[in-house]
Amino acid sequence: MTPVILASSSRYRAMLLDRLGLDYEQHSPAIDESHQPGEDPEVYVCRLAREKAQAVAARVPGRVVIGSDQCSSRDGDILGKPHTRERAIEQLLGFGGRRVRIATAVAVYDPESARTRSAYVPTDVYFRRLERSAVERYVDAESPLDCAGAFKAEGLGVTLFEKILGDDPNALIGLPLIALTDLLGQLGIKRP
């Protein structure tokens, strides 16, 4: 039996989890990811990480399940996925010379206690001053239409940044491995 399940269909999250050397499988959580009125970024991503883990745990009982989520925010306002080229360009142009917070949460469902523990890991990304032509080239090259904040930090998105401040560089890609290692350790799953 596979001891751990990753509640995500993201190949990037799977590549990060591979780094921990865990035996795992992936299951899509298939939950409603709508933002609730008045929900701040931290509460939003923590709720979704827990809901993803719990949704998969309900379908595959007896397994430790890892859920995660992330969103971008500027001045406390949650920025959704752009879904179109034009919205991605406008979103990124609005980031030029500014700080954007990437809110990332990870949750681990423990089948023995039926409890879900979570951790929140913020990362601040400071963008360079951006010219429209550079942003258009970036969006055309990487098509980040389904990415929180309209950029892929694991790809060319880093060319848009001036600096990154955070406790775990993996959080920027969607799975904070330092916090995850701590949560798994609380369940007796030690790495290495």
Protein backbone atom coordinates (compact mmCIF):
# COMPACT_ATOMS: atom_id res chain seq x y z
CA MET A 1 0.00 0.00 0.00
CA THR A 2 1.27 3.49 -0.88
CA PRO A 3 1.61 5.35 2.41
CA VAL A 4 1.14 8.91 1.10
CA ILE A 5 -1.15 10.56 -1.42
CA LEU A 6 -0.59 13.97 -2.99
CA ALA A 7 -3.96 15.69 -3.47
CA SER A 8 -2.93 17.51 -6.63
CA SER A 9 -2.66 16.99 -10.35
CA SER A 10 0.25 19.44 -10.61
CA ARG A 11 3.42 17.98 -12.06
CA TYR A 12 5.43 20.73 -10.35
CA ARG A 13 4.14 19.75 -6.92
CA ALA A 14 4.91 16.12 -7.75
CA MET A 15 8.46 17.04 -8.80
CA LEU A 16 8.93 18.84 -5.48
CA LEU A 17 7.55 15.90 -3.51
CA ASP A 18 9.91 13.59 -5.41
CA ARG A 19 12.76 15.44 -3.69
CA LEU A 20 11.68 13.98 -0.33
CA GLY A 21 12.02 10.42 -1.63
CA LEU A 22 8.53 9.40 -0.53
CA ASP A 23 6.53 6.59 -2.03
CA TYR A 24 3.32 8.33 -3.10
CA GLU A 25 0.60 8.56 -5.71
CA GLN A 26 -1.36 11.55 -6.99
CA HIS A 27 -5.11 12.09 -6.94
CA SER A 28 -6.93 15.17 -8.15
CA PRO A 29 -8.91 16.73 -5.29
CA ALA A 30 -11.68 18.11 -7.54
CA ILE A 31 -13.00 20.71 -5.10
CA ASP A 32 -14.57 24.14 -5.53
CA GLU A 33 -11.71 26.63 -5.19
CA SER A 34 -13.88 29.74 -5.02
CA HIS A 35 -12.76 32.55 -2.78
CA GLN A 36 -15.24 33.29 0.02
CA PRO A 37 -16.29 36.90 0.70
CA GLY A 38 -14.02 38.55 3.26
CA GLU A 39 -11.50 35.72 3.19
CA ASP A 40 -7.91 36.95 3.35
CA PRO A 41 -5.13 35.18 1.42
CA GLU A 42 -3.83 33.18 4.41
CA VAL A 43 -7.25 31.91 5.45
CA TYR A 44 -8.13 31.16 1.81
CA VAL A 45 -5.09 29.00 0.98
CA CYS A 46 -5.14 27.22 4.35
CA ARG A 47 -8.81 26.35 3.86
CA LEU A 48 -8.22 25.05 0.34
CA ALA A 49 -5.15 23.00 1.33
CA ARG A 50 -7.19 21.33 4.11
CA GLU A 51 -10.22 20.78 1.86
CA LYS A 52 -8.06 19.20 -0.85
CA ALA A 53 -6.46 16.80 1.62
CA GLN A 54 -9.80 15.92 3.21
CA ALA A 55 -11.58 15.44 -0.15
CA VAL A 56 -9.02 12.89 -1.30
CA ALA A 57 -8.88 11.24 2.14
CA ALA A 58 -12.63 10.63 1.94
CA ARG A 59 -12.14 8.77 -1.36
CA VAL A 60 -9.04 6.83 -0.30
CA PRO A 61 -9.43 6.04 3.41
CA GLY A 62 -6.56 4.99 5.63
CA ARG A 63 -3.92 7.08 3.86
CA VAL A 64 -1.90 10.12 4.79
CA VAL A 65 -2.92 12.82 2.31
CA ILE A 66 -1.04 16.00 1.44
CA GLY A 67 -2.95 19.00 0.12
CA SER A 68 -1.59 22.39 -0.85
CA ASP A 69 -2.74 25.62 -2.38
CA GLN A 70 -1.42 29.02 -3.23
CA CYS A 71 -2.57 32.42 -4.35
CA SER A 72 -1.04 35.77 -5.16
CA SER A 73 -2.09 38.98 -3.50
CA ARG A 74 -1.21 42.63 -3.82
CA ASP A 75 -2.12 45.03 -1.04
CA GLY A 76 -4.19 42.24 0.56
CA ASP A 77 -6.35 41.64 -2.53
CA ILE A 78 -6.34 38.10 -3.89
CA LEU A 79 -5.36 37.94 -7.54
CA GLY A 80 -6.95 35.15 -9.49
CA LYS A 81 -5.61 33.15 -12.39
CA PRO A 82 -5.78 35.34 -15.48
CA HIS A 83 -7.14 32.69 -17.92
CA THR A 84 -6.55 34.99 -20.93
CA ARG A 85 -3.44 36.45 -22.52
CA GLU A 86 -4.73 40.01 -22.14
CA ARG A 87 -5.52 39.63 -18.43
CA ALA A 88 -2.13 38.01 -17.80
CA ILE A 89 -0.35 40.95 -19.46
CA GLU A 90 -2.37 43.53 -17.52
CA GLN A 91 -1.88 41.67 -14.24
CA LEU A 92 1.89 41.48 -14.71
CA LEU A 93 2.16 45.11 -15.79
CA GLY A 94 0.43 46.04 -12.53
CA PHE A 95 3.18 44.22 -10.63
CA GLY A 96 6.04 46.26 -12.12
CA GLY A 97 8.19 47.80 -9.37
CA ARG A 98 5.92 46.37 -6.66
CA ARG A 99 5.78 43.62 -4.06
CA VAL A 100 3.41 40.69 -4.53
CA ARG A 101 2.77 38.22 -1.73
CA ILE A 102 2.54 34.56 -2.67
CA ALA A 103 0.49 32.82 0.01
CA THR A 104 1.14 29.08 0.13
CA ALA A 105 -0.33 26.52 2.49
CA VAL A 106 0.25 22.81 2.96
CA ALA A 107 -2.00 20.45 4.89
CA VAL A 108 -1.53 16.84 5.94
CA TYR A 109 -4.47 14.59 6.78
CA ASP A 110 -3.73 11.94 9.42
CA PRO A 111 -6.03 8.92 9.01
CA GLU A 112 -5.34 7.64 12.55
CA SER A 113 -6.60 10.77 14.32
CA ALA A 114 -8.81 12.04 11.45
CA ARG A 115 -7.09 15.42 11.97
CA THR A 116 -5.67 17.74 9.38
CA ARG A 117 -2.66 19.83 10.30
CA SER A 118 -1.60 22.76 8.14
CA ALA A 119 1.13 25.35 7.76
CA TYR A 120 1.17 28.72 6.03
CA VAL A 121 4.30 29.91 4.22
CA PRO A 122 4.28 33.43 2.71
CA THR A 123 6.79 34.55 0.10
CA ASP A 124 7.26 38.13 -1.03
CA VAL A 125 8.22 38.63 -4.66
CA TYR A 126 9.54 42.03 -5.71
CA PHE A 127 9.07 42.69 -9.41
CA ARG A 128 11.37 44.64 -11.66
CA ARG A 129 9.99 47.61 -13.52
CA LEU A 130 8.34 45.91 -16.46
CA GLU A 131 7.89 47.05 -20.04
CA ARG A 132 4.89 45.89 -22.01
CA SER A 133 7.03 44.28 -24.73
CA ALA A 134 8.94 42.19 -22.16
CA VAL A 135 5.71 41.10 -20.47
CA GLU A 136 4.14 40.17 -23.81
CA ARG A 137 7.21 38.11 -24.74
CA TYR A 138 7.07 36.37 -21.38
CA VAL A 139 3.35 35.55 -21.61
CA ASP A 140 3.75 34.29 -25.18
CA ALA A 141 6.75 32.15 -24.23
CA GLU A 142 5.30 30.57 -21.09
CA SER A 143 1.51 31.01 -21.33
CA PRO A 144 0.98 31.35 -17.53
CA LEU A 145 -2.79 31.65 -17.88
CA ASP A 146 -3.62 29.10 -15.16
CA CYS A 147 -1.03 30.36 -12.66
CA ALA A 148 -1.70 32.40 -9.56
CA GLY A 149 -0.24 35.81 -10.36
CA ALA A 150 0.26 35.04 -14.08
CA PHE A 151 3.84 33.84 -13.68
CA LYS A 152 5.73 30.59 -13.30
CA ALA A 153 8.55 30.95 -10.80
CA GLU A 154 9.82 27.50 -11.82
CA GLY A 155 10.36 28.84 -15.34
CA LEU A 156 10.98 32.17 -17.03
CA GLY A 157 8.90 33.99 -14.42
CA VAL A 158 12.04 34.56 -12.39
CA THR A 159 13.26 36.94 -15.10
CA LEU A 160 10.52 39.34 -13.99
CA PHE A 161 11.73 39.44 -10.37
CA GLU A 162 14.10 41.77 -8.61
CA LYS A 163 14.23 39.66 -5.45
CA ILE A 164 12.40 37.03 -3.45
CA LEU A 165 12.02 36.96 0.35
CA GLY A 166 10.70 33.87 2.08
CA ASP A 167 11.49 30.93 4.32
CA ASP A 168 11.17 28.16 1.73
CA PRO A 169 11.95 28.60 -1.98
CA ASN A 170 9.72 25.62 -2.76
CA ALA A 171 6.69 27.52 -1.47
CA LEU A 172 6.91 29.78 -4.50
CA ILE A 173 6.32 26.76 -6.74
CA GLY A 174 3.42 25.49 -4.63
CA LEU A 175 4.65 22.96 -2.06
CA PRO A 176 6.65 24.22 0.95
CA LEU A 177 8.89 21.24 1.66
CA ILE A 178 10.32 22.54 4.94
CA ALA A 179 6.85 22.88 6.49
CA LEU A 180 5.74 19.61 4.88
CA THR A 181 8.73 17.77 6.38
CA ASP A 182 7.73 19.07 9.83
CA LEU A 183 4.08 18.06 9.39
CA LEU A 184 5.01 14.57 8.15
CA GLY A 185 7.46 14.20 11.04
CA GLN A 186 4.61 14.81 13.49
CA LEU A 187 2.98 11.68 11.98
CA GLY A 188 6.16 9.64 12.30
CA ILE A 189 7.12 9.93 8.62
CA LYS A 190 10.73 11.04 8.94
CA ARG A 191 12.86 12.39 6.09
CA PRO A 192 15.58 11.28 5.53
